N, C-alpha and C. Protein backbone atom coordinates (compact mmCIF):
# COMPACT_ATOMS: atom_id res chain seq x y z
N MET A 1 -4.03 -213.69 -94.73
CA MET A 1 -4.38 -212.43 -94.09
C MET A 1 -5.84 -212.51 -93.68
N GLU A 2 -6.14 -212.11 -92.46
CA GLU A 2 -7.51 -212.10 -91.97
C GLU A 2 -8.04 -210.68 -91.92
N VAL A 3 -9.29 -210.53 -92.37
CA VAL A 3 -9.95 -209.23 -92.35
C VAL A 3 -11.34 -209.40 -91.75
N ILE A 4 -11.89 -208.29 -91.28
CA ILE A 4 -13.25 -208.26 -90.76
C ILE A 4 -14.08 -207.49 -91.78
N LEU A 5 -15.12 -208.14 -92.31
CA LEU A 5 -15.94 -207.52 -93.34
C LEU A 5 -16.86 -206.46 -92.73
N LYS A 6 -16.97 -205.33 -93.43
CA LYS A 6 -17.86 -204.25 -92.99
C LYS A 6 -19.19 -204.28 -93.74
N THR A 7 -19.24 -205.02 -94.86
CA THR A 7 -20.47 -205.17 -95.64
C THR A 7 -20.57 -206.62 -96.10
N ASP A 8 -21.74 -207.00 -96.58
CA ASP A 8 -21.93 -208.32 -97.17
C ASP A 8 -21.26 -208.33 -98.54
N ILE A 9 -20.46 -209.37 -98.81
CA ILE A 9 -19.81 -209.52 -100.10
C ILE A 9 -20.13 -210.92 -100.61
N ALA A 10 -20.79 -210.98 -101.76
CA ALA A 10 -21.21 -212.26 -102.34
C ALA A 10 -20.00 -213.15 -102.58
N GLY A 11 -20.09 -214.39 -102.15
CA GLY A 11 -19.03 -215.35 -102.35
C GLY A 11 -17.92 -215.29 -101.32
N LEU A 12 -17.94 -214.28 -100.45
CA LEU A 12 -16.88 -214.14 -99.46
C LEU A 12 -17.42 -214.24 -98.04
N GLY A 13 -18.45 -213.48 -97.72
CA GLY A 13 -19.01 -213.53 -96.38
C GLY A 13 -19.97 -212.40 -96.12
N TYR A 14 -20.42 -212.33 -94.88
CA TYR A 14 -21.40 -211.34 -94.47
C TYR A 14 -20.76 -210.32 -93.54
N LYS A 15 -21.49 -209.25 -93.28
CA LYS A 15 -21.00 -208.18 -92.41
C LYS A 15 -20.59 -208.76 -91.06
N ASN A 16 -19.47 -208.28 -90.53
CA ASN A 16 -18.90 -208.69 -89.24
C ASN A 16 -18.34 -210.11 -89.24
N ASP A 17 -18.15 -210.71 -90.40
CA ASP A 17 -17.50 -212.01 -90.47
C ASP A 17 -15.99 -211.83 -90.49
N LEU A 18 -15.28 -212.74 -89.87
CA LEU A 18 -13.82 -212.77 -89.90
C LEU A 18 -13.44 -213.77 -90.99
N VAL A 19 -12.82 -213.29 -92.07
CA VAL A 19 -12.50 -214.16 -93.20
C VAL A 19 -11.03 -214.08 -93.54
N ALA A 20 -10.51 -215.16 -94.09
CA ALA A 20 -9.12 -215.19 -94.55
C ALA A 20 -9.11 -214.95 -96.06
N VAL A 21 -8.32 -213.96 -96.50
CA VAL A 21 -8.21 -213.63 -97.91
C VAL A 21 -6.73 -213.53 -98.27
N LYS A 22 -6.46 -213.52 -99.55
CA LYS A 22 -5.08 -213.32 -99.99
C LYS A 22 -4.67 -211.89 -99.67
N PRO A 23 -3.42 -211.68 -99.31
CA PRO A 23 -2.98 -210.34 -98.89
C PRO A 23 -3.22 -209.24 -99.93
N GLY A 24 -3.00 -209.53 -101.20
CA GLY A 24 -3.20 -208.52 -102.23
C GLY A 24 -4.66 -208.11 -102.35
N TYR A 25 -5.56 -209.08 -102.27
CA TYR A 25 -7.00 -208.81 -102.35
C TYR A 25 -7.44 -207.94 -101.17
N GLY A 26 -6.91 -208.25 -99.99
CA GLY A 26 -7.27 -207.48 -98.81
C GLY A 26 -6.71 -206.07 -98.85
N ARG A 27 -5.41 -205.93 -99.11
CA ARG A 27 -4.76 -204.62 -99.07
C ARG A 27 -5.11 -203.73 -100.26
N ASN A 28 -5.30 -204.33 -101.44
CA ASN A 28 -5.50 -203.53 -102.64
C ASN A 28 -6.96 -203.31 -103.01
N TYR A 29 -7.88 -204.11 -102.50
CA TYR A 29 -9.27 -203.95 -102.87
C TYR A 29 -10.19 -203.76 -101.67
N LEU A 30 -10.25 -204.75 -100.77
CA LEU A 30 -11.23 -204.73 -99.69
C LEU A 30 -11.05 -203.55 -98.74
N ILE A 31 -9.83 -203.33 -98.28
CA ILE A 31 -9.59 -202.25 -97.30
C ILE A 31 -9.72 -200.87 -97.93
N PRO A 32 -9.09 -200.58 -99.10
CA PRO A 32 -9.25 -199.25 -99.69
C PRO A 32 -10.69 -198.90 -100.08
N GLN A 33 -11.48 -199.91 -100.49
CA GLN A 33 -12.86 -199.66 -100.87
C GLN A 33 -13.77 -199.50 -99.64
N GLY A 34 -13.25 -199.79 -98.46
CA GLY A 34 -14.05 -199.67 -97.24
C GLY A 34 -14.91 -200.88 -96.97
N TYR A 35 -14.64 -202.01 -97.65
CA TYR A 35 -15.42 -203.22 -97.44
C TYR A 35 -14.93 -204.03 -96.25
N ALA A 36 -13.71 -203.77 -95.77
CA ALA A 36 -13.15 -204.58 -94.69
C ALA A 36 -12.10 -203.77 -93.93
N VAL A 37 -11.74 -204.27 -92.74
CA VAL A 37 -10.64 -203.72 -91.95
C VAL A 37 -9.74 -204.88 -91.54
N MET A 38 -8.49 -204.56 -91.25
CA MET A 38 -7.55 -205.58 -90.79
C MET A 38 -8.07 -206.20 -89.49
N ALA A 39 -7.80 -207.47 -89.30
CA ALA A 39 -8.26 -208.18 -88.11
C ALA A 39 -7.21 -208.10 -87.01
N SER A 40 -6.89 -206.88 -86.57
CA SER A 40 -5.94 -206.71 -85.48
C SER A 40 -6.65 -207.01 -84.15
N ASP A 41 -5.87 -207.08 -83.07
CA ASP A 41 -6.45 -207.38 -81.75
C ASP A 41 -7.48 -206.34 -81.35
N SER A 42 -7.18 -205.06 -81.57
CA SER A 42 -8.12 -204.01 -81.19
C SER A 42 -9.39 -204.08 -82.03
N ASN A 43 -9.26 -204.36 -83.32
CA ASN A 43 -10.45 -204.47 -84.17
C ASN A 43 -11.28 -205.69 -83.82
N ARG A 44 -10.63 -206.77 -83.37
CA ARG A 44 -11.37 -207.95 -82.93
C ARG A 44 -12.18 -207.64 -81.67
N LYS A 45 -11.60 -206.84 -80.74
CA LYS A 45 -12.34 -206.46 -79.53
C LYS A 45 -13.53 -205.58 -79.88
N VAL A 46 -13.32 -204.65 -80.80
CA VAL A 46 -14.42 -203.78 -81.25
C VAL A 46 -15.51 -204.63 -81.90
N LEU A 47 -15.12 -205.61 -82.72
CA LEU A 47 -16.07 -206.50 -83.37
C LEU A 47 -16.88 -207.28 -82.33
N ALA A 48 -16.21 -207.81 -81.31
CA ALA A 48 -16.90 -208.57 -80.27
C ALA A 48 -17.92 -207.69 -79.54
N GLU A 49 -17.55 -206.46 -79.26
CA GLU A 49 -18.47 -205.54 -78.58
C GLU A 49 -19.65 -205.19 -79.48
N ASN A 50 -19.37 -204.95 -80.76
CA ASN A 50 -20.45 -204.63 -81.70
C ASN A 50 -21.43 -205.79 -81.85
N ILE A 51 -20.89 -207.00 -81.91
CA ILE A 51 -21.75 -208.18 -82.03
C ILE A 51 -22.60 -208.35 -80.78
N LYS A 52 -22.00 -208.10 -79.62
CA LYS A 52 -22.72 -208.22 -78.35
C LYS A 52 -23.88 -207.23 -78.29
N GLN A 53 -23.61 -205.99 -78.71
CA GLN A 53 -24.65 -204.96 -78.66
C GLN A 53 -25.73 -205.17 -79.71
N ALA A 54 -25.36 -205.76 -80.84
CA ALA A 54 -26.31 -205.90 -81.94
C ALA A 54 -27.01 -207.26 -81.97
N SER A 55 -26.78 -208.09 -80.97
CA SER A 55 -27.34 -209.44 -81.01
C SER A 55 -28.87 -209.42 -80.99
N HIS A 56 -29.47 -208.58 -80.18
CA HIS A 56 -30.94 -208.53 -80.15
C HIS A 56 -31.50 -207.95 -81.43
N LYS A 57 -30.79 -207.01 -82.03
CA LYS A 57 -31.22 -206.44 -83.30
C LYS A 57 -31.12 -207.49 -84.41
N ALA A 58 -30.07 -208.31 -84.36
CA ALA A 58 -29.89 -209.36 -85.35
C ALA A 58 -31.00 -210.40 -85.27
N GLU A 59 -31.44 -210.71 -84.07
CA GLU A 59 -32.55 -211.66 -83.90
C GLU A 59 -33.82 -211.11 -84.53
N LYS A 60 -34.05 -209.81 -84.37
CA LYS A 60 -35.23 -209.19 -84.97
C LYS A 60 -35.13 -209.22 -86.49
N LEU A 61 -33.95 -208.94 -87.04
CA LEU A 61 -33.77 -208.98 -88.49
C LEU A 61 -34.01 -210.39 -89.03
N LYS A 62 -33.51 -211.39 -88.30
CA LYS A 62 -33.71 -212.78 -88.72
C LYS A 62 -35.19 -213.14 -88.67
N LEU A 63 -35.88 -212.71 -87.64
CA LEU A 63 -37.31 -213.00 -87.52
C LEU A 63 -38.09 -212.31 -88.64
N ASP A 64 -37.74 -211.07 -88.95
CA ASP A 64 -38.39 -210.36 -90.06
C ASP A 64 -38.14 -211.07 -91.39
N ALA A 65 -36.91 -211.56 -91.59
CA ALA A 65 -36.57 -212.28 -92.82
C ALA A 65 -37.37 -213.58 -92.92
N GLU A 66 -37.51 -214.28 -91.79
CA GLU A 66 -38.28 -215.53 -91.80
C GLU A 66 -39.75 -215.28 -92.08
N THR A 67 -40.31 -214.22 -91.52
CA THR A 67 -41.72 -213.93 -91.78
C THR A 67 -41.94 -213.53 -93.24
N LEU A 68 -41.01 -212.76 -93.81
CA LEU A 68 -41.13 -212.39 -95.21
C LEU A 68 -41.03 -213.61 -96.11
N ALA A 69 -40.09 -214.51 -95.79
CA ALA A 69 -39.93 -215.74 -96.58
C ALA A 69 -41.18 -216.62 -96.47
N SER A 70 -41.76 -216.71 -95.29
CA SER A 70 -42.96 -217.54 -95.13
C SER A 70 -44.17 -216.88 -95.79
N SER A 71 -44.22 -215.54 -95.82
CA SER A 71 -45.34 -214.88 -96.49
C SER A 71 -45.25 -215.04 -98.00
N ILE A 72 -44.03 -215.11 -98.54
CA ILE A 72 -43.88 -215.38 -99.97
C ILE A 72 -44.28 -216.82 -100.25
N GLY A 73 -43.86 -217.73 -99.39
CA GLY A 73 -44.27 -219.13 -99.47
C GLY A 73 -43.99 -219.76 -100.82
N ASP A 74 -45.01 -220.41 -101.37
CA ASP A 74 -44.88 -221.10 -102.65
C ASP A 74 -45.39 -220.24 -103.80
N LEU A 75 -45.17 -218.96 -103.71
CA LEU A 75 -45.60 -218.03 -104.75
C LEU A 75 -44.93 -218.38 -106.07
N SER A 76 -45.70 -218.37 -107.13
CA SER A 76 -45.16 -218.63 -108.47
C SER A 76 -45.35 -217.36 -109.30
N LEU A 77 -44.25 -216.90 -109.88
CA LEU A 77 -44.28 -215.66 -110.65
C LEU A 77 -44.35 -215.96 -112.14
N SER A 78 -44.89 -215.01 -112.89
CA SER A 78 -44.93 -215.11 -114.34
C SER A 78 -44.20 -213.89 -114.89
N ILE A 79 -43.13 -214.14 -115.64
CA ILE A 79 -42.31 -213.06 -116.19
C ILE A 79 -42.55 -213.00 -117.70
N PRO A 80 -43.20 -211.92 -118.19
CA PRO A 80 -43.40 -211.80 -119.64
C PRO A 80 -42.11 -211.34 -120.32
N ALA A 81 -41.83 -211.92 -121.49
CA ALA A 81 -40.63 -211.54 -122.23
C ALA A 81 -40.90 -211.65 -123.72
N LYS A 82 -40.23 -210.80 -124.50
CA LYS A 82 -40.32 -210.89 -125.95
C LYS A 82 -39.51 -212.10 -126.40
N VAL A 83 -40.11 -212.90 -127.29
CA VAL A 83 -39.43 -214.10 -127.75
C VAL A 83 -39.38 -214.13 -129.27
N GLY A 84 -38.38 -214.82 -129.76
CA GLY A 84 -38.22 -215.00 -131.19
C GLY A 84 -38.52 -216.43 -131.57
N GLU A 85 -37.88 -216.89 -132.64
CA GLU A 85 -38.10 -218.24 -133.12
C GLU A 85 -37.58 -219.27 -132.11
N GLY A 86 -38.31 -220.34 -131.98
CA GLY A 86 -37.88 -221.43 -131.11
C GLY A 86 -38.03 -221.14 -129.63
N GLY A 87 -38.75 -220.10 -129.26
CA GLY A 87 -38.96 -219.78 -127.85
C GLY A 87 -37.78 -219.15 -127.16
N LYS A 88 -36.85 -218.60 -127.93
CA LYS A 88 -35.69 -217.94 -127.32
C LYS A 88 -36.04 -216.49 -126.98
N VAL A 89 -35.63 -216.08 -125.80
CA VAL A 89 -35.91 -214.73 -125.31
C VAL A 89 -34.91 -213.75 -125.90
N PHE A 90 -35.41 -212.58 -126.32
CA PHE A 90 -34.50 -211.51 -126.74
C PHE A 90 -33.80 -211.00 -125.49
N GLY A 91 -32.48 -211.09 -125.44
CA GLY A 91 -31.75 -210.73 -124.22
C GLY A 91 -31.85 -211.88 -123.24
N ARG A 92 -32.19 -211.55 -122.00
CA ARG A 92 -32.41 -212.59 -121.00
C ARG A 92 -33.19 -212.00 -119.84
N VAL A 93 -33.76 -212.88 -119.04
CA VAL A 93 -34.49 -212.47 -117.85
C VAL A 93 -33.46 -212.29 -116.74
N THR A 94 -33.54 -211.15 -116.04
CA THR A 94 -32.58 -210.86 -114.98
C THR A 94 -33.29 -210.71 -113.65
N THR A 95 -32.49 -210.45 -112.63
CA THR A 95 -33.05 -210.28 -111.28
C THR A 95 -33.93 -209.04 -111.19
N ILE A 96 -33.72 -208.08 -112.08
CA ILE A 96 -34.55 -206.87 -112.07
C ILE A 96 -36.00 -207.22 -112.36
N GLN A 97 -36.24 -208.05 -113.38
CA GLN A 97 -37.61 -208.44 -113.70
C GLN A 97 -38.25 -209.24 -112.57
N ILE A 98 -37.46 -210.08 -111.91
CA ILE A 98 -38.00 -210.87 -110.80
C ILE A 98 -38.35 -209.96 -109.62
N ALA A 99 -37.48 -208.99 -109.33
CA ALA A 99 -37.76 -208.04 -108.25
C ALA A 99 -39.01 -207.22 -108.57
N ASP A 100 -39.18 -206.82 -109.84
CA ASP A 100 -40.37 -206.07 -110.24
C ASP A 100 -41.63 -206.92 -110.10
N ALA A 101 -41.54 -208.20 -110.46
CA ALA A 101 -42.70 -209.09 -110.34
C ALA A 101 -43.06 -209.30 -108.86
N LEU A 102 -42.05 -209.42 -108.01
CA LEU A 102 -42.31 -209.54 -106.57
C LEU A 102 -42.93 -208.26 -106.02
N ARG A 103 -42.43 -207.11 -106.49
CA ARG A 103 -42.97 -205.82 -106.05
C ARG A 103 -44.43 -205.68 -106.48
N ALA A 104 -44.77 -206.19 -107.66
CA ALA A 104 -46.16 -206.14 -108.13
C ALA A 104 -47.07 -207.00 -107.25
N LYS A 105 -46.51 -208.05 -106.66
CA LYS A 105 -47.28 -208.92 -105.76
C LYS A 105 -47.32 -208.38 -104.32
N GLY A 106 -46.57 -207.28 -104.06
CA GLY A 106 -46.60 -206.67 -102.74
C GLY A 106 -45.40 -206.98 -101.87
N PHE A 107 -44.34 -207.57 -102.44
CA PHE A 107 -43.14 -207.90 -101.68
C PHE A 107 -41.99 -207.05 -102.19
N ASP A 108 -41.42 -206.22 -101.33
CA ASP A 108 -40.32 -205.35 -101.72
C ASP A 108 -39.00 -206.05 -101.41
N VAL A 109 -38.39 -206.63 -102.45
CA VAL A 109 -37.14 -207.37 -102.31
C VAL A 109 -36.09 -206.70 -103.18
N ASP A 110 -34.93 -206.45 -102.60
CA ASP A 110 -33.83 -205.83 -103.35
C ASP A 110 -33.32 -206.82 -104.38
N ARG A 111 -33.09 -206.35 -105.60
CA ARG A 111 -32.65 -207.23 -106.69
C ARG A 111 -31.29 -207.83 -106.41
N LYS A 112 -30.48 -207.17 -105.57
CA LYS A 112 -29.14 -207.68 -105.27
C LYS A 112 -29.18 -208.91 -104.38
N LYS A 113 -30.33 -209.16 -103.75
CA LYS A 113 -30.46 -210.33 -102.90
C LYS A 113 -30.99 -211.54 -103.66
N ILE A 114 -31.28 -211.36 -104.94
CA ILE A 114 -31.83 -212.43 -105.76
C ILE A 114 -30.72 -213.01 -106.65
N THR A 115 -30.62 -214.33 -106.67
CA THR A 115 -29.68 -214.98 -107.58
C THR A 115 -30.44 -215.99 -108.42
N LEU A 116 -30.06 -216.08 -109.68
CA LEU A 116 -30.70 -217.01 -110.60
C LEU A 116 -29.86 -218.27 -110.71
N ASP A 117 -30.53 -219.39 -110.89
CA ASP A 117 -29.85 -220.66 -111.07
C ASP A 117 -29.59 -220.86 -112.56
N GLY A 118 -28.56 -220.19 -113.08
CA GLY A 118 -28.22 -220.28 -114.50
C GLY A 118 -28.83 -219.14 -115.30
N ASP A 119 -28.50 -219.08 -116.59
CA ASP A 119 -29.03 -218.05 -117.47
C ASP A 119 -30.45 -218.41 -117.89
N VAL A 120 -31.29 -217.39 -117.97
CA VAL A 120 -32.68 -217.59 -118.38
C VAL A 120 -32.82 -216.96 -119.76
N LYS A 121 -32.71 -217.80 -120.79
CA LYS A 121 -32.73 -217.30 -122.16
C LYS A 121 -33.81 -217.93 -123.02
N SER A 122 -34.71 -218.70 -122.42
CA SER A 122 -35.78 -219.31 -123.19
C SER A 122 -37.03 -219.44 -122.32
N LEU A 123 -38.15 -219.73 -122.97
CA LEU A 123 -39.40 -219.91 -122.24
C LEU A 123 -39.30 -221.14 -121.36
N GLY A 124 -40.01 -221.12 -120.23
CA GLY A 124 -40.01 -222.29 -119.36
C GLY A 124 -40.09 -221.91 -117.89
N ASP A 125 -39.92 -222.92 -117.05
CA ASP A 125 -39.99 -222.75 -115.60
C ASP A 125 -38.59 -222.77 -115.01
N TYR A 126 -38.34 -221.85 -114.06
CA TYR A 126 -37.03 -221.69 -113.44
C TYR A 126 -37.22 -221.42 -111.95
N THR A 127 -36.10 -221.42 -111.21
CA THR A 127 -36.13 -221.05 -109.80
C THR A 127 -35.07 -219.97 -109.55
N ALA A 128 -35.38 -219.12 -108.59
CA ALA A 128 -34.45 -218.09 -108.15
C ALA A 128 -34.33 -218.21 -106.63
N THR A 129 -33.17 -217.87 -106.10
CA THR A 129 -32.94 -217.93 -104.67
C THR A 129 -32.84 -216.52 -104.12
N ILE A 130 -33.60 -216.24 -103.07
CA ILE A 130 -33.56 -214.93 -102.42
C ILE A 130 -32.82 -215.09 -101.10
N ASP A 131 -31.79 -214.28 -100.91
CA ASP A 131 -30.95 -214.33 -99.72
C ASP A 131 -31.41 -213.22 -98.76
N PHE A 132 -32.41 -213.54 -97.93
CA PHE A 132 -32.96 -212.55 -97.01
C PHE A 132 -32.00 -212.24 -95.87
N HIS A 133 -31.32 -213.27 -95.39
CA HIS A 133 -30.45 -213.18 -94.21
C HIS A 133 -29.42 -214.29 -94.38
N LYS A 134 -28.32 -214.21 -93.66
CA LYS A 134 -27.31 -215.24 -93.87
C LYS A 134 -27.78 -216.62 -93.46
N GLU A 135 -28.86 -216.70 -92.69
CA GLU A 135 -29.42 -217.99 -92.31
C GLU A 135 -30.78 -218.26 -92.95
N VAL A 136 -31.31 -217.29 -93.68
CA VAL A 136 -32.64 -217.43 -94.27
C VAL A 136 -32.54 -217.23 -95.78
N LYS A 137 -32.69 -218.33 -96.51
CA LYS A 137 -32.71 -218.29 -97.97
C LYS A 137 -34.02 -218.92 -98.42
N HIS A 138 -34.58 -218.38 -99.50
CA HIS A 138 -35.88 -218.86 -99.96
C HIS A 138 -35.85 -219.02 -101.48
N LYS A 139 -36.41 -220.11 -101.96
CA LYS A 139 -36.48 -220.36 -103.41
C LYS A 139 -37.85 -219.93 -103.92
N VAL A 140 -37.83 -219.22 -105.05
CA VAL A 140 -39.06 -218.76 -105.69
C VAL A 140 -39.10 -219.34 -107.09
N LYS A 141 -40.23 -219.92 -107.44
CA LYS A 141 -40.39 -220.46 -108.79
C LYS A 141 -40.98 -219.38 -109.68
N PHE A 142 -40.48 -219.32 -110.90
CA PHE A 142 -41.04 -218.38 -111.87
C PHE A 142 -41.04 -219.02 -113.24
N SER A 143 -41.98 -218.58 -114.06
CA SER A 143 -42.04 -219.08 -115.41
C SER A 143 -41.94 -217.91 -116.37
N VAL A 144 -41.19 -218.11 -117.43
CA VAL A 144 -41.03 -217.10 -118.46
C VAL A 144 -42.06 -217.40 -119.54
N VAL A 145 -42.91 -216.40 -119.80
CA VAL A 145 -43.99 -216.56 -120.79
C VAL A 145 -43.84 -215.52 -121.88
N GLU A 146 -44.45 -215.79 -123.00
CA GLU A 146 -44.38 -214.87 -124.14
C GLU A 146 -45.21 -213.64 -123.87
N ALA A 147 -44.65 -212.46 -124.12
CA ALA A 147 -45.34 -211.20 -123.88
C ALA A 147 -46.30 -210.88 -125.01
């Protein structure tokens, strides 16, 4: 079954993408939640027109994403955390702390656009990936330090 996505869905695709999904997933989850519509001929024509009209806007969004990624550059963040014996963090470091650290440096990044490469449960250096645009991804290095 093919559907047209109305929003970005992690692991599936981006807004206005035509994706193939299992029929149950499409009919029982994506369409009722408003995340997608059936890929009928009329919806495909509407999609083509929307993409045509939004192409210049999309270029501006991509350019803004690239400038934000280049302004962040090789920024290295320091995330303070409470630690116990052996350098293990109480709980774990999440995307919320990384978004807050970026906000403190002057970059407003939504936490939902940040993904961590594995669980962060001990002191050390890690990397996170920020998904600014479907074509613009940026890696940020951060270190977890004792608070």
